Amino acid sequence: MLNPVVAANIDIKIPEQGEVVLRLVNLAKERNIDYIPSAESTSVLNAYCMRKEIPSPIDGGSAPAYIPQPVPLDVNAMNNMAQ
């Protein structure tokens, strides 16, 4: 058990997921380990790096660009609007 005064003065810092993945990637590079994070971890890492304005350490690590999907064109609705 902790002393209540000590417990009140402890500032617990829980790291973000992106920070954890960044540390894993950097450790793997330092130790020459071939580590490739999962797609989910990569997106979390890229979001973290963008938020902190640091370059992503993953090769080709630019975040995927948002490309909207094309919307199907309803020609019948367009013909009805023209009349």
PDB file of N, CA and C in Angstrom:
ATOM      1  N   MET A   1       0.835  -1.183   0.000  1.00  0.00           N
ATOM      2  CA  MET A   1       0.000   0.000   0.000  1.00  0.00           C
ATOM      3  C   MET A   1       0.875   1.240   0.000  1.00  0.00           C
ATOM      4  N   LEU A   2       0.383   2.228  -0.690  1.00  0.00           N
ATOM      5  CA  LEU A   2       1.093   3.491  -0.752  1.00  0.00           C
ATOM      6  C   LEU A   2       0.604   4.427   0.343  1.00  0.00           C
ATOM      7  N   ASN A   3       1.512   5.243   0.783  1.00  0.00           N
ATOM      8  CA  ASN A   3       1.163   6.305   1.706  1.00  0.00           C
ATOM      9  C   ASN A   3       0.203   7.245   0.970  1.00  0.00           C
ATOM     10  N   PRO A   4      -0.899   7.692   1.569  1.00  0.00           N
ATOM     11  CA  PRO A   4      -1.858   8.571   0.875  1.00  0.00           C
ATOM     12  C   PRO A   4      -1.231   9.866   0.359  1.00  0.00           C
ATOM     13  N   VAL A   5      -0.245  10.398   1.068  1.00  0.00           N
ATOM     14  CA  VAL A   5       0.416  11.621   0.609  1.00  0.00           C
ATOM     15  C   VAL A   5       1.229  11.337  -0.643  1.00  0.00           C
ATOM     16  N   VAL A   6       1.920  10.201  -0.656  1.00  0.00           N
ATOM     17  CA  VAL A   6       2.708   9.819  -1.832  1.00  0.00           C
ATOM     18  C   VAL A   6       1.779   9.521  -3.002  1.00  0.00           C
ATOM     19  N   ALA A   7       0.701   8.803  -2.754  1.00  0.00           N
ATOM     20  CA  ALA A   7      -0.242   8.450  -3.814  1.00  0.00           C
ATOM     21  C   ALA A   7      -0.866   9.694  -4.437  1.00  0.00           C
ATOM     22  N   ALA A   8      -1.122  10.716  -3.641  1.00  0.00           N
ATOM     23  CA  ALA A   8      -1.716  11.947  -4.166  1.00  0.00           C
ATOM     24  C   ALA A   8      -0.735  12.715  -5.045  1.00  0.00           C
ATOM     25  N   ASN A   9       0.558  12.520  -4.826  1.00  0.00           N
ATOM     26  CA  ASN A   9       1.574  13.269  -5.573  1.00  0.00           C
ATOM     27  C   ASN A   9       2.117  12.526  -6.786  1.00  0.00           C
ATOM     28  N   ILE A  10       1.662  11.314  -7.031  1.00  0.00           N
ATOM     29  CA  ILE A  10       2.125  10.559  -8.183  1.00  0.00           C
ATOM     30  C   ILE A  10       1.355  11.004  -9.420  1.00  0.00           C
ATOM     31  N   ASP A  11       2.095  11.363 -10.449  1.00  0.00           N
ATOM     32  CA  ASP A  11       1.479  11.764 -11.711  1.00  0.00           C
ATOM     33  C   ASP A  11       1.732  10.650 -12.720  1.00  0.00           C
ATOM     34  N   ILE A  12       0.718   9.837 -12.947  1.00  0.00           N
ATOM     35  CA  ILE A  12       0.847   8.699 -13.848  1.00  0.00           C
ATOM     36  C   ILE A  12       0.635   9.172 -15.280  1.00  0.00           C
ATOM     37  N   LYS A  13       1.598   8.870 -16.134  1.00  0.00           N
ATOM     38  CA  LYS A  13       1.491   9.224 -17.549  1.00  0.00           C
ATOM     39  C   LYS A  13       1.289   7.944 -18.346  1.00  0.00           C
ATOM     40  N   ILE A  14       0.141   7.821 -18.971  1.00  0.00           N
ATOM     41  CA  ILE A  14      -0.150   6.664 -19.815  1.00  0.00           C
ATOM     42  C   ILE A  14       0.152   7.076 -21.255  1.00  0.00           C
ATOM     43  N   PRO A  15       1.096   6.395 -21.911  1.00  0.00           N
ATOM     44  CA  PRO A  15       1.473   6.804 -23.280  1.00  0.00           C
ATOM     45  C   PRO A  15       0.358   6.496 -24.280  1.00  0.00           C
ATOM     46  N   GLU A  16       0.318   7.325 -25.327  1.00  0.00           N
ATOM     47  CA  GLU A  16      -0.634   7.087 -26.412  1.00  0.00           C
ATOM     48  C   GLU A  16      -0.191   5.857 -27.205  1.00  0.00           C
ATOM     49  N   GLN A  17      -1.130   5.266 -27.923  1.00  0.00           N
ATOM     50  CA  GLN A  17      -0.788   4.099 -28.739  1.00  0.00           C
ATOM     51  C   GLN A  17       0.243   4.456 -29.803  1.00  0.00           C
ATOM     52  N   GLY A  18       0.110   5.628 -30.396  1.00  0.00           N
ATOM     53  CA  GLY A  18       1.061   6.052 -31.419  1.00  0.00           C
ATOM     54  C   GLY A  18       2.464   6.197 -30.869  1.00  0.00           C
ATOM     55  N   GLU A  19       2.566   6.670 -29.638  1.00  0.00           N
ATOM     56  CA  GLU A  19       3.871   6.806 -28.993  1.00  0.00           C
ATOM     57  C   GLU A  19       4.511   5.441 -28.752  1.00  0.00           C
ATOM     58  N   VAL A  20       3.685   4.462 -28.384  1.00  0.00           N
ATOM     59  CA  VAL A  20       4.185   3.105 -28.156  1.00  0.00           C
ATOM     60  C   VAL A  20       4.687   2.494 -29.465  1.00  0.00           C
ATOM     61  N   VAL A  21       3.911   2.647 -30.526  1.00  0.00           N
ATOM     62  CA  VAL A  21       4.315   2.092 -31.827  1.00  0.00           C
ATOM     63  C   VAL A  21       5.581   2.791 -32.322  1.00  0.00           C
ATOM     64  N   LEU A  22       5.669   4.097 -32.128  1.00  0.00           N
ATOM     65  CA  LEU A  22       6.872   4.841 -32.523  1.00  0.00           C
ATOM     66  C   LEU A  22       8.091   4.307 -31.784  1.00  0.00           C
ATOM     67  N   ARG A  23       7.952   4.042 -30.505  1.00  0.00           N
ATOM     68  CA  ARG A  23       9.072   3.492 -29.720  1.00  0.00           C
ATOM     69  C   ARG A  23       9.464   2.106 -30.227  1.00  0.00           C
ATOM     70  N   LEU A  24       8.457   1.275 -30.548  1.00  0.00           N
ATOM     71  CA  LEU A  24       8.749  -0.057 -31.075  1.00  0.00           C
ATOM     72  C   LEU A  24       9.502   0.013 -32.399  1.00  0.00           C
ATOM     73  N   VAL A  25       9.061   0.880 -33.288  1.00  0.00           N
ATOM     74  CA  VAL A  25       9.703   1.014 -34.600  1.00  0.00           C
ATOM     75  C   VAL A  25      11.133   1.516 -34.439  1.00  0.00           C
ATOM     76  N   ASN A  26      11.317   2.508 -33.566  1.00  0.00           N
ATOM     77  CA  ASN A  26      12.667   3.045 -33.356  1.00  0.00           C
ATOM     78  C   ASN A  26      13.591   2.016 -32.715  1.00  0.00           C
ATOM     79  N   LEU A  27      13.094   1.258 -31.746  1.00  0.00           N
ATOM     80  CA  LEU A  27      13.911   0.207 -31.137  1.00  0.00           C
ATOM     81  C   LEU A  27      14.301  -0.864 -32.154  1.00  0.00           C
ATOM     82  N   ALA A  28      13.344  -1.223 -33.006  1.00  0.00           N
ATOM     83  CA  ALA A  28      13.623  -2.235 -34.025  1.00  0.00           C
ATOM     84  C   ALA A  28      14.710  -1.745 -34.983  1.00  0.00           C
ATOM     85  N   LYS A  29      14.654  -0.464 -35.364  1.00  0.00           N
ATOM     86  CA  LYS A  29      15.684   0.079 -36.258  1.00  0.00           C
ATOM     87  C   LYS A  29      17.041   0.127 -35.568  1.00  0.00           C
ATOM     88  N   GLU A  30      17.058   0.504 -34.291  1.00  0.00           N
ATOM     89  CA  GLU A  30      18.324   0.573 -33.546  1.00  0.00           C
ATOM     90  C   GLU A  30      18.986  -0.799 -33.448  1.00  0.00           C
ATOM     91  N   ARG A  31      18.177  -1.821 -33.304  1.00  0.00           N
ATOM     92  CA  ARG A  31      18.704  -3.175 -33.088  1.00  0.00           C
ATOM     93  C   ARG A  31      18.696  -4.031 -34.348  1.00  0.00           C
ATOM     94  N   ASN A  32      18.452  -3.408 -35.495  1.00  0.00           N
ATOM     95  CA  ASN A  32      18.438  -4.094 -36.791  1.00  0.00           C
ATOM     96  C   ASN A  32      17.460  -5.266 -36.817  1.00  0.00           C
ATOM     97  N   ILE A  33      16.270  -5.033 -36.287  1.00  0.00           N
ATOM     98  CA  ILE A  33      15.213  -6.038 -36.301  1.00  0.00           C
ATOM     99  C   ILE A  33      14.240  -5.671 -37.412  1.00  0.00           C
ATOM    100  N   ASP A  34      13.872  -6.653 -38.205  1.00  0.00           N
ATOM    101  CA  ASP A  34      12.930  -6.421 -39.295  1.00  0.00           C
ATOM    102  C   ASP A  34      11.517  -6.423 -38.728  1.00  0.00           C
ATOM    103  N   TYR A  35      11.041  -5.250 -38.333  1.00  0.00           N
ATOM    104  CA  TYR A  35       9.718  -5.117 -37.720  1.00  0.00           C
ATOM    105  C   TYR A  35       8.830  -4.289 -38.619  1.00  0.00           C
ATOM    106  N   ILE A  36       7.706  -4.854 -38.992  1.00  0.00           N
ATOM    107  CA  ILE A  36       6.730  -4.137 -39.800  1.00  0.00           C
ATOM    108  C   ILE A  36       5.434  -4.105 -39.000  1.00  0.00           C
ATOM    109  N   PRO A  37       4.998  -2.923 -38.551  1.00  0.00           N
ATOM    110  CA  PRO A  37       3.761  -2.854 -37.771  1.00  0.00           C
ATOM    111  C   PRO A  37       2.545  -3.182 -38.635  1.00  0.00           C
ATOM    112  N   SER A  38       1.482  -3.598 -37.980  1.00  0.00           N
ATOM    113  CA  SER A  38       0.242  -3.924 -38.687  1.00  0.00           C
ATOM    114  C   SER A  38      -0.330  -2.658 -39.323  1.00  0.00           C
ATOM    115  N   ALA A  39      -1.320  -2.837 -40.166  1.00  0.00           N
ATOM    116  CA  ALA A  39      -1.942  -1.694 -40.843  1.00  0.00           C
ATOM    117  C   ALA A  39      -2.570  -0.741 -39.827  1.00  0.00           C
ATOM    118  N   GLU A  40      -3.206  -1.310 -38.803  1.00  0.00           N
ATOM    119  CA  GLU A  40      -3.831  -0.477 -37.772  1.00  0.00           C
ATOM    120  C   GLU A  40      -2.769   0.302 -36.998  1.00  0.00           C
ATOM    121  N   SER A  41      -1.680  -0.370 -36.637  1.00  0.00           N
ATOM    122  CA  SER A  41      -0.599   0.300 -35.911  1.00  0.00           C
ATOM    123  C   SER A  41       0.054   1.377 -36.762  1.00  0.00           C
ATOM    124  N   THR A  42       0.180   1.113 -38.051  1.00  0.00           N
ATOM    125  CA  THR A  42       0.767   2.098 -38.957  1.00  0.00           C
ATOM    126  C   THR A  42      -0.097   3.341 -39.044  1.00  0.00           C
ATOM    127  N   SER A  43      -1.407   3.161 -39.126  1.00  0.00           N
ATOM    128  CA  SER A  43      -2.286   4.334 -39.197  1.00  0.00           C
ATOM    129  C   SER A  43      -2.269   5.115 -37.885  1.00  0.00           C
ATOM    130  N   VAL A  44      -2.201   4.407 -36.752  1.00  0.00           N
ATOM    131  CA  VAL A  44      -2.109   5.079 -35.450  1.00  0.00           C
ATOM    132  C   VAL A  44      -0.797   5.851 -35.357  1.00  0.00           C
ATOM    133  N   LEU A  45       0.286   5.242 -35.828  1.00  0.00           N
ATOM    134  CA  LEU A  45       1.598   5.893 -35.810  1.00  0.00           C
ATOM    135  C   LEU A  45       1.603   7.130 -36.699  1.00  0.00           C
ATOM    136  N   ASN A  46       1.065   7.008 -37.903  1.00  0.00           N
ATOM    137  CA  ASN A  46       1.036   8.157 -38.819  1.00  0.00           C
ATOM    138  C   ASN A  46       0.204   9.298 -38.250  1.00  0.00           C
ATOM    139  N   ALA A  47      -0.927   8.974 -37.616  1.00  0.00           N
ATOM    140  CA  ALA A  47      -1.760  10.008 -37.001  1.00  0.00           C
ATOM    141  C   ALA A  47      -1.009  10.685 -35.859  1.00  0.00           C
ATOM    142  N   TYR A  48      -0.303   9.898 -35.060  1.00  0.00           N
ATOM    143  CA  TYR A  48       0.475  10.448 -33.945  1.00  0.00           C
ATOM    144  C   TYR A  48       1.578  11.368 -34.469  1.00  0.00           C
ATOM    145  N   CYS A  49       2.278  10.919 -35.505  1.00  0.00           N
ATOM    146  CA  CYS A  49       3.362  11.722 -36.066  1.00  0.00           C
ATOM    147  C   CYS A  49       2.838  13.020 -36.677  1.00  0.00           C
ATOM    148  N   MET A  50       1.685  12.977 -37.325  1.00  0.00           N
ATOM    149  CA  MET A  50       1.111  14.198 -37.885  1.00  0.00           C
ATOM    150  C   MET A  50       0.718  15.161 -36.765  1.00  0.00           C
ATOM    151  N   ARG A  51       0.114  14.636 -35.693  1.00  0.00           N
ATOM    152  CA  ARG A  51      -0.303  15.471 -34.579  1.00  0.00           C
ATOM    153  C   ARG A  51       0.893  16.125 -33.886  1.00  0.00           C
ATOM    154  N   LYS A  52       1.984  15.384 -33.750  1.00  0.00           N
ATOM    155  CA  LYS A  52       3.180  15.899 -33.085  1.00  0.00           C
ATOM    156  C   LYS A  52       4.132  16.605 -34.049  1.00  0.00           C
ATOM    157  N   GLU A  53       3.776  16.608 -35.337  1.00  0.00           N
ATOM    158  CA  GLU A  53       4.568  17.249 -36.393  1.00  0.00           C
ATOM    159  C   GLU A  53       5.997  16.708 -36.434  1.00  0.00           C
ATOM    160  N   ILE A  54       6.106  15.377 -36.397  1.00  0.00           N
ATOM    161  CA  ILE A  54       7.404  14.717 -36.556  1.00  0.00           C
ATOM    162  C   ILE A  54       7.311  13.792 -37.765  1.00  0.00           C
ATOM    163  N   PRO A  55       8.414  13.571 -38.456  1.00  0.00           N
ATOM    164  CA  PRO A  55       8.355  12.678 -39.620  1.00  0.00           C
ATOM    165  C   PRO A  55       8.137  11.234 -39.202  1.00  0.00           C
ATOM    166  N   SER A  56       7.378  10.523 -39.986  1.00  0.00           N
ATOM    167  CA  SER A  56       7.115   9.117 -39.702  1.00  0.00           C
ATOM    168  C   SER A  56       8.372   8.299 -39.980  1.00  0.00           C
ATOM    169  N   PRO A  57       8.769   7.422 -39.052  1.00  0.00           N
ATOM    170  CA  PRO A  57      10.005   6.659 -39.244  1.00  0.00           C
ATOM    171  C   PRO A  57       9.869   5.461 -40.178  1.00  0.00           C
ATOM    172  N   ILE A  58       8.654   5.167 -40.604  1.00  0.00           N
ATOM    173  CA  ILE A  58       8.434   4.012 -41.473  1.00  0.00           C
ATOM    174  C   ILE A  58       8.799   4.393 -42.907  1.00  0.00           C
ATOM    175  N   ASP A  59       9.544   3.512 -43.598  1.00  0.00           N
ATOM    176  CA  ASP A  59       9.912   3.777 -44.991  1.00  0.00           C
ATOM    177  C   ASP A  59       8.650   3.948 -45.821  1.00  0.00           C
ATOM    178  N   GLY A  60       8.628   5.006 -46.623  1.00  0.00           N
ATOM    179  CA  GLY A  60       7.425   5.297 -47.379  1.00  0.00           C
ATOM    180  C   GLY A  60       6.311   5.684 -46.439  1.00  0.00           C
ATOM    181  N   GLY A  61       6.692   6.327 -45.338  1.00  0.00           N
ATOM    182  CA  GLY A  61       5.778   6.516 -44.227  1.00  0.00           C
ATOM    183  C   GLY A  61       4.816   7.670 -44.334  1.00  0.00           C
ATOM    184  N   SER A  62       4.593   8.195 -45.501  1.00  0.00           N
ATOM    185  CA  SER A  62       3.606   9.252 -45.572  1.00  0.00           C
ATOM    186  C   SER A  62       2.223   8.657 -45.326  1.00  0.00           C
ATOM    187  N   ALA A  63       1.417   9.411 -44.643  1.00  0.00           N
ATOM    188  CA  ALA A  63       0.074   8.931 -44.324  1.00  0.00           C
ATOM    189  C   ALA A  63      -0.732   8.781 -45.612  1.00  0.00           C
ATOM    190  N   PRO A  64      -1.569   7.782 -45.677  1.00  0.00           N
ATOM    191  CA  PRO A  64      -2.378   7.629 -46.891  1.00  0.00           C
ATOM    192  C   PRO A  64      -3.304   8.822 -47.075  1.00  0.00           C
ATOM    193  N   ALA A  65      -3.365   9.292 -48.294  1.00  0.00           N
ATOM    194  CA  ALA A  65      -4.209  10.436 -48.596  1.00  0.00           C
ATOM    195  C   ALA A  65      -5.663   9.999 -48.657  1.00  0.00           C
ATOM    196  N   TYR A  66      -6.540  10.891 -48.250  1.00  0.00           N
ATOM    197  CA  TYR A  66      -7.960  10.596 -48.331  1.00  0.00           C
ATOM    198  C   TYR A  66      -8.403  10.787 -49.770  1.00  0.00           C
ATOM    199  N   ILE A  67      -8.924   9.725 -50.354  1.00  0.00           N
ATOM    200  CA  ILE A  67      -9.428   9.777 -51.715  1.00  0.00           C
ATOM    201  C   ILE A  67     -10.890   9.353 -51.670  1.00  0.00           C
ATOM    202  N   PRO A  68     -11.791  10.307 -51.876  1.00  0.00           N
ATOM    203  CA  PRO A  68     -13.206   9.950 -51.791  1.00  0.00           C
ATOM    204  C   PRO A  68     -13.599   8.966 -52.890  1.00  0.00           C
ATOM    205  N   GLN A  69     -14.496   8.070 -52.543  1.00  0.00           N
ATOM    206  CA  GLN A  69     -14.971   7.087 -53.500  1.00  0.00           C
ATOM    207  C   GLN A  69     -15.968   7.742 -54.447  1.00  0.00           C
ATOM    208  N   PRO A  70     -15.960   7.364 -55.718  1.00  0.00           N
ATOM    209  CA  PRO A  70     -16.914   7.958 -56.659  1.00  0.00           C
ATOM    210  C   PRO A  70     -18.343   7.557 -56.309  1.00  0.00           C
ATOM    211  N   VAL A  71     -19.239   8.486 -56.526  1.00  0.00           N
ATOM    212  CA  VAL A  71     -20.654   8.251 -56.243  1.00  0.00           C
ATOM    213  C   VAL A  71     -21.325   7.787 -57.532  1.00  0.00           C
ATOM    214  N   PRO A  72     -22.145   6.742 -57.446  1.00  0.00           N
ATOM    215  CA  PRO A  72     -22.830   6.288 -58.671  1.00  0.00           C
ATOM    216  C   PRO A  72     -23.726   7.394 -59.232  1.00  0.00           C
ATOM    217  N   LEU A  73     -23.734   7.521 -60.534  1.00  0.00           N
ATOM    218  CA  LEU A  73     -24.507   8.561 -61.206  1.00  0.00           C
ATOM    219  C   LEU A  73     -25.853   7.977 -61.628  1.00  0.00           C
ATOM    220  N   ASP A  74     -26.933   8.607 -61.159  1.00  0.00           N
ATOM    221  CA  ASP A  74     -28.277   8.166 -61.508  1.00  0.00           C
ATOM    222  C   ASP A  74     -28.772   9.028 -62.676  1.00  0.00           C
ATOM    223  N   VAL A  75     -28.671   8.481 -63.879  1.00  0.00           N
ATOM    224  CA  VAL A  75     -29.040   9.221 -65.087  1.00  0.00           C
ATOM    225  C   VAL A  75     -30.537   9.483 -65.125  1.00  0.00           C
ATOM    226  N   ASN A  76     -31.348   8.552 -64.641  1.00  0.00           N
ATOM    227  CA  ASN A  76     -32.801   8.740 -64.648  1.00  0.00           C
ATOM    228  C   ASN A  76     -33.207   9.934 -63.798  1.00  0.00           C
ATOM    229  N   ALA A  77     -32.575  10.116 -62.646  1.00  0.00           N
ATOM    230  CA  ALA A  77     -32.905  11.251 -61.788  1.00  0.00           C
ATOM    231  C   ALA A  77     -32.494  12.555 -62.465  1.00  0.00           C
ATOM    232  N   MET A  78     -31.403  12.529 -63.208  1.00  0.00           N
ATOM    233  CA  MET A  78     -30.951  13.743 -63.891  1.00  0.00           C
ATOM    234  C   MET A  78     -31.906  14.095 -65.029  1.00  0.00           C
ATOM    235  N   ASN A  79     -32.427  13.075 -65.715  1.00  0.00           N
ATOM    236  CA  ASN A  79     -33.395  13.329 -66.790  1.00  0.00           C
ATOM    237  C   ASN A  79     -34.673  13.918 -66.234  1.00  0.00           C
ATOM    238  N   ASN A  80     -35.113  13.449 -65.060  1.00  0.00           N
ATOM    239  CA  ASN A  80     -36.342  13.962 -64.450  1.00  0.00           C
ATOM    240  C   ASN A  80     -36.169  15.409 -63.977  1.00  0.00           C
ATOM    241  N   MET A  81     -34.957  15.769 -63.558  1.00  0.00           N
ATOM    242  CA  MET A  81     -34.703  17.140 -63.110  1.00  0.00           C
ATOM    243  C   MET A  81     -34.697  18.105 -64.296  1.00  0.00           C
ATOM    244  N   ALA A  82     -34.244  17.641 -65.452  1.00  0.00           N
ATOM    245  CA  ALA A  82     -34.152  18.507 -66.631  1.00  0.00           C
ATOM    246  C   ALA A  82     -35.515  18.832 -67.209  1.00  0.00           C
ATOM    247  N   GLN A  83     -36.512  18.049 -66.917  1.00  0.00           N
ATOM    248  CA  GLN A  83     -37.837  18.295 -67.505  1.00  0.00           C
ATOM    249  C   GLN A  83     -38.644  19.265 -66.731  1.00  0.00           C
TER     250      GLN A  83
END
